[in-house]
């Protein structure tokens, strides 16, 4: 039962893609592709790193 609670992630608030795009200075399409489709590239890696820090509280 504890493992389910530890793996639970709160739903993100509306507009998180736009917010992340502004932080990373890229487009919303880049953010969506990086997070949802795991696209390769330097910008995509930067987006995933910022996503982990901001929303998953990991470095």
N, C-alpha and C. Protein backbone atom coordinates (compact mmCIF):
# COMPACT_ATOMS: atom_id res chain seq x y z
N UNK A 1 0.82 -1.19 0.00
CA UNK A 1 0.00 0.00 0.00
C UNK A 1 0.87 1.26 0.00
N UNK A 2 1.99 1.24 0.68
CA UNK A 2 2.86 2.40 0.72
C UNK A 2 3.44 2.75 -0.65
N UNK A 3 3.74 1.74 -1.44
CA UNK A 3 4.35 2.02 -2.74
C UNK A 3 3.40 2.76 -3.66
N UNK A 4 2.12 2.52 -3.56
CA UNK A 4 1.16 3.25 -4.38
C UNK A 4 1.15 4.72 -4.01
N UNK A 5 1.24 5.03 -2.74
CA UNK A 5 1.24 6.42 -2.31
C UNK A 5 2.54 7.12 -2.71
N UNK A 6 3.65 6.43 -2.68
CA UNK A 6 4.92 7.03 -3.03
C UNK A 6 5.00 7.32 -4.53
N UNK A 7 4.38 6.50 -5.35
CA UNK A 7 4.44 6.67 -6.79
C UNK A 7 3.35 7.60 -7.32
N UNK A 8 2.45 8.03 -6.47
CA UNK A 8 1.34 8.89 -6.90
C UNK A 8 1.87 10.26 -7.27
N UNK A 9 1.39 10.78 -8.39
CA UNK A 9 1.78 12.11 -8.84
C UNK A 9 0.52 12.95 -8.99
N UNK A 10 0.53 14.15 -8.42
CA UNK A 10 -0.62 15.04 -8.54
C UNK A 10 -0.78 15.48 -9.99
N UNK A 11 -2.00 15.67 -10.44
CA UNK A 11 -2.20 16.20 -11.79
C UNK A 11 -1.63 17.61 -11.89
N UNK A 12 -1.04 17.92 -13.02
CA UNK A 12 -0.45 19.24 -13.21
C UNK A 12 -1.53 20.27 -13.48
N UNK A 13 -1.27 21.50 -13.05
CA UNK A 13 -2.26 22.55 -13.26
C UNK A 13 -2.34 22.95 -14.72
N UNK A 14 -3.43 23.57 -15.09
CA UNK A 14 -3.67 23.98 -16.46
C UNK A 14 -2.60 24.99 -16.88
N UNK A 15 -2.07 24.82 -18.07
CA UNK A 15 -1.07 25.75 -18.58
C UNK A 15 0.36 25.39 -18.26
N UNK A 16 0.60 24.15 -17.82
CA UNK A 16 1.96 23.78 -17.42
C UNK A 16 2.89 23.71 -18.63
N UNK A 17 2.37 23.39 -19.80
CA UNK A 17 3.21 23.32 -21.00
C UNK A 17 3.70 24.72 -21.37
N UNK A 18 2.81 25.68 -21.34
CA UNK A 18 3.18 27.06 -21.65
C UNK A 18 4.17 27.61 -20.64
N UNK A 19 3.95 27.32 -19.38
CA UNK A 19 4.84 27.78 -18.33
C UNK A 19 6.24 27.19 -18.49
N UNK A 20 6.30 25.92 -18.78
CA UNK A 20 7.59 25.26 -18.98
C UNK A 20 8.29 25.78 -20.24
N UNK A 21 7.52 26.08 -21.27
CA UNK A 21 8.09 26.62 -22.51
C UNK A 21 8.72 27.99 -22.27
N UNK A 22 8.08 28.81 -21.45
CA UNK A 22 8.64 30.12 -21.14
C UNK A 22 9.92 30.00 -20.33
N UNK A 23 9.95 29.06 -19.39
CA UNK A 23 11.15 28.85 -18.58
C UNK A 23 12.33 28.37 -19.42
N UNK A 24 12.06 27.50 -20.37
CA UNK A 24 13.11 26.92 -21.20
C UNK A 24 13.40 27.72 -22.46
N UNK A 25 12.61 28.76 -22.71
CA UNK A 25 12.76 29.60 -23.90
C UNK A 25 12.67 28.77 -25.18
N UNK A 26 11.60 28.00 -25.28
CA UNK A 26 11.33 27.21 -26.47
C UNK A 26 9.83 27.20 -26.72
N UNK A 27 9.39 26.48 -27.73
CA UNK A 27 7.97 26.46 -28.06
C UNK A 27 7.22 25.39 -27.26
N UNK A 28 5.90 25.51 -27.26
CA UNK A 28 5.09 24.53 -26.56
C UNK A 28 5.13 23.17 -27.26
N UNK A 29 5.35 23.17 -28.56
CA UNK A 29 5.47 21.92 -29.31
C UNK A 29 6.71 21.15 -28.85
N UNK A 30 7.80 21.87 -28.63
CA UNK A 30 9.03 21.23 -28.15
C UNK A 30 8.81 20.60 -26.78
N UNK A 31 8.11 21.31 -25.91
CA UNK A 31 7.83 20.79 -24.57
C UNK A 31 6.96 19.55 -24.65
N UNK A 32 5.90 19.60 -25.44
CA UNK A 32 5.00 18.45 -25.57
C UNK A 32 5.73 17.23 -26.13
N UNK A 33 6.51 17.44 -27.17
CA UNK A 33 7.25 16.33 -27.77
C UNK A 33 8.29 15.75 -26.80
N UNK A 34 8.95 16.60 -26.05
CA UNK A 34 9.97 16.14 -25.12
C UNK A 34 9.37 15.31 -23.99
N UNK A 35 8.25 15.75 -23.46
CA UNK A 35 7.65 15.07 -22.31
C UNK A 35 6.82 13.85 -22.75
N UNK A 36 5.96 14.04 -23.72
CA UNK A 36 5.04 12.97 -24.10
C UNK A 36 5.64 11.93 -25.04
N UNK A 37 6.52 12.37 -25.93
CA UNK A 37 7.03 11.46 -26.96
C UNK A 37 8.52 11.16 -26.82
N UNK A 38 9.15 11.71 -25.78
CA UNK A 38 10.56 11.45 -25.48
C UNK A 38 11.47 11.72 -26.69
N UNK A 39 11.28 12.87 -27.31
CA UNK A 39 12.07 13.21 -28.50
C UNK A 39 13.52 13.49 -28.11
N UNK A 40 14.46 13.22 -29.02
CA UNK A 40 15.88 13.45 -28.73
C UNK A 40 16.26 14.91 -28.99
N UNK A 41 17.39 15.32 -28.45
CA UNK A 41 17.91 16.65 -28.75
C UNK A 41 18.31 17.41 -27.50
N UNK A 42 19.04 18.48 -27.74
CA UNK A 42 19.55 19.30 -26.64
C UNK A 42 18.42 20.05 -25.94
N UNK A 43 17.53 20.66 -26.72
CA UNK A 43 16.40 21.40 -26.13
C UNK A 43 15.47 20.46 -25.37
N UNK A 44 15.22 19.30 -25.93
CA UNK A 44 14.34 18.34 -25.28
C UNK A 44 14.92 17.87 -23.95
N UNK A 45 16.22 17.67 -23.91
CA UNK A 45 16.86 17.27 -22.66
C UNK A 45 16.77 18.38 -21.61
N UNK A 46 16.92 19.62 -22.05
CA UNK A 46 16.80 20.76 -21.15
C UNK A 46 15.38 20.85 -20.59
N UNK A 47 14.40 20.60 -21.45
CA UNK A 47 12.99 20.63 -21.03
C UNK A 47 12.72 19.54 -20.00
N UNK A 48 13.21 18.33 -20.27
CA UNK A 48 12.99 17.22 -19.32
C UNK A 48 13.68 17.49 -17.98
N UNK A 49 14.85 18.08 -18.02
CA UNK A 49 15.56 18.41 -16.78
C UNK A 49 14.78 19.45 -15.97
N UNK A 50 14.25 20.48 -16.63
CA UNK A 50 13.47 21.50 -15.95
C UNK A 50 12.16 20.92 -15.42
N UNK A 51 11.56 19.99 -16.17
CA UNK A 51 10.33 19.33 -15.74
C UNK A 51 10.57 18.54 -14.45
N UNK A 52 11.68 17.81 -14.40
CA UNK A 52 12.00 17.04 -13.19
C UNK A 52 12.18 17.96 -11.98
N UNK A 53 12.87 19.07 -12.18
CA UNK A 53 13.14 19.98 -11.07
C UNK A 53 11.85 20.65 -10.60
N UNK A 54 11.05 21.15 -11.54
CA UNK A 54 9.90 21.94 -11.18
C UNK A 54 8.71 21.11 -10.69
N UNK A 55 8.41 20.02 -11.37
CA UNK A 55 7.19 19.29 -11.06
C UNK A 55 7.41 17.97 -10.31
N UNK A 56 8.54 17.36 -10.43
CA UNK A 56 8.78 16.11 -9.73
C UNK A 56 9.68 16.28 -8.51
N UNK A 57 10.16 17.48 -8.30
CA UNK A 57 11.04 17.82 -7.15
C UNK A 57 12.27 16.92 -7.09
N UNK A 58 12.85 16.65 -8.24
CA UNK A 58 14.08 15.87 -8.31
C UNK A 58 15.11 16.63 -9.13
N UNK A 59 16.38 16.35 -8.88
CA UNK A 59 17.43 16.98 -9.68
C UNK A 59 18.08 15.99 -10.52
